[in-house]
Amino acid sequence: MAIQLLHDQNLVLKDVSHRNFGELLGHLQNNETAYHAQAVEKVSEALRKCYGDRDISLQQLSATFRRGDLLEMLG
């Protein structure tokens, strides 16, 4: 969600400061539903890339998050 928020505001993380944090937070709060839906879709897409359309056990899912595999898929 943060990556999309920064992209939408034409910012990179190093540019976030006390001067623009309130504005960023307000934008996030006003568009929370849309950002959440986009994030869920991106995670679902990354999981499909990792595992295809088969069922994923909770152990596999846990290991995927623990290893950070999705971060590589989303990056």
Protein backbone atom coordinates (compact mmCIF):
# COMPACT_ATOMS: atom_id res chain seq x y z
CA MET A 1 0.00 0.00 0.00
CA ALA A 2 2.82 2.39 0.84
CA ILE A 3 4.53 1.85 -2.50
CA GLN A 4 1.34 2.70 -4.38
CA LEU A 5 0.65 5.69 -2.12
CA LEU A 6 4.11 7.12 -2.74
CA HIS A 7 3.78 6.47 -6.47
CA ASP A 8 0.41 8.24 -6.58
CA GLN A 9 1.89 11.23 -4.78
CA ASN A 10 5.02 11.29 -6.99
CA LEU A 11 7.28 10.70 -3.99
CA VAL A 12 10.00 8.27 -2.99
CA LEU A 13 10.46 7.12 0.59
CA LYS A 14 13.44 9.39 1.25
CA ASP A 15 11.21 12.41 0.46
CA VAL A 16 8.70 11.62 3.23
CA SER A 17 9.10 13.91 6.21
CA HIS A 18 7.14 15.65 8.91
CA ARG A 19 6.26 18.29 6.32
CA ASN A 20 4.25 15.98 4.07
CA PHE A 21 3.34 13.10 6.36
CA GLY A 22 -0.05 14.56 7.31
CA GLU A 23 -1.01 15.00 3.68
CA LEU A 24 0.10 11.44 2.86
CA LEU A 25 -1.83 10.05 5.81
CA GLY A 26 -4.94 11.97 4.80
CA HIS A 27 -4.72 10.68 1.24
CA LEU A 28 -4.29 7.13 2.51
CA GLN A 29 -7.26 7.43 4.86
CA ASN A 30 -9.47 8.93 2.15
CA ASN A 31 -8.58 6.13 -0.28
CA GLU A 32 -8.05 3.26 2.16
CA THR A 33 -10.52 0.90 0.49
CA ALA A 34 -8.94 1.29 -2.94
CA TYR A 35 -5.39 0.89 -1.61
CA HIS A 36 -6.39 -2.20 0.36
CA ALA A 37 -8.07 -3.77 -2.68
CA GLN A 38 -4.97 -3.10 -4.83
CA ALA A 39 -2.71 -4.61 -2.17
CA VAL A 40 -4.85 -7.75 -1.87
CA GLU A 41 -4.82 -8.16 -5.64
CA LYS A 42 -1.03 -7.77 -5.82
CA VAL A 43 -0.50 -10.35 -3.05
CA SER A 44 -2.93 -12.74 -4.75
CA GLU A 45 -1.13 -12.28 -8.06
CA ALA A 46 2.26 -12.93 -6.44
CA LEU A 47 0.94 -16.07 -4.76
CA ARG A 48 -0.37 -17.31 -8.11
CA LYS A 49 3.08 -16.74 -9.60
CA CYS A 50 4.66 -18.73 -6.76
CA TYR A 51 2.15 -21.58 -6.55
CA GLY A 52 -0.07 -21.46 -9.60
CA ASP A 53 -3.77 -22.07 -9.03
CA ARG A 54 -3.35 -25.00 -6.64
CA ASP A 55 -4.34 -24.92 -2.98
CA ILE A 56 -1.67 -23.60 -0.63
CA SER A 57 -1.28 -25.10 2.84
CA LEU A 58 -0.95 -22.77 5.81
CA GLN A 59 2.59 -24.08 6.32
CA GLN A 60 3.55 -23.16 2.75
CA LEU A 61 1.96 -19.77 3.08
CA SER A 62 3.74 -19.12 6.36
CA ALA A 63 7.09 -20.12 4.87
CA THR A 64 6.48 -17.90 1.85
CA PHE A 65 5.93 -14.85 4.05
CA ARG A 66 8.78 -15.75 6.42
CA ARG A 67 11.30 -16.07 3.56
CA GLY A 68 10.11 -12.88 1.90
CA ASP A 69 9.39 -14.58 -1.43
CA LEU A 70 6.48 -12.27 -2.16
CA LEU A 71 8.62 -9.19 -1.77
CA GLU A 72 10.79 -10.49 -4.60
CA MET A 73 7.73 -11.28 -6.71
CA LEU A 74 6.24 -7.83 -6.12
CA GLY A 75 9.51 -5.93 -6.57
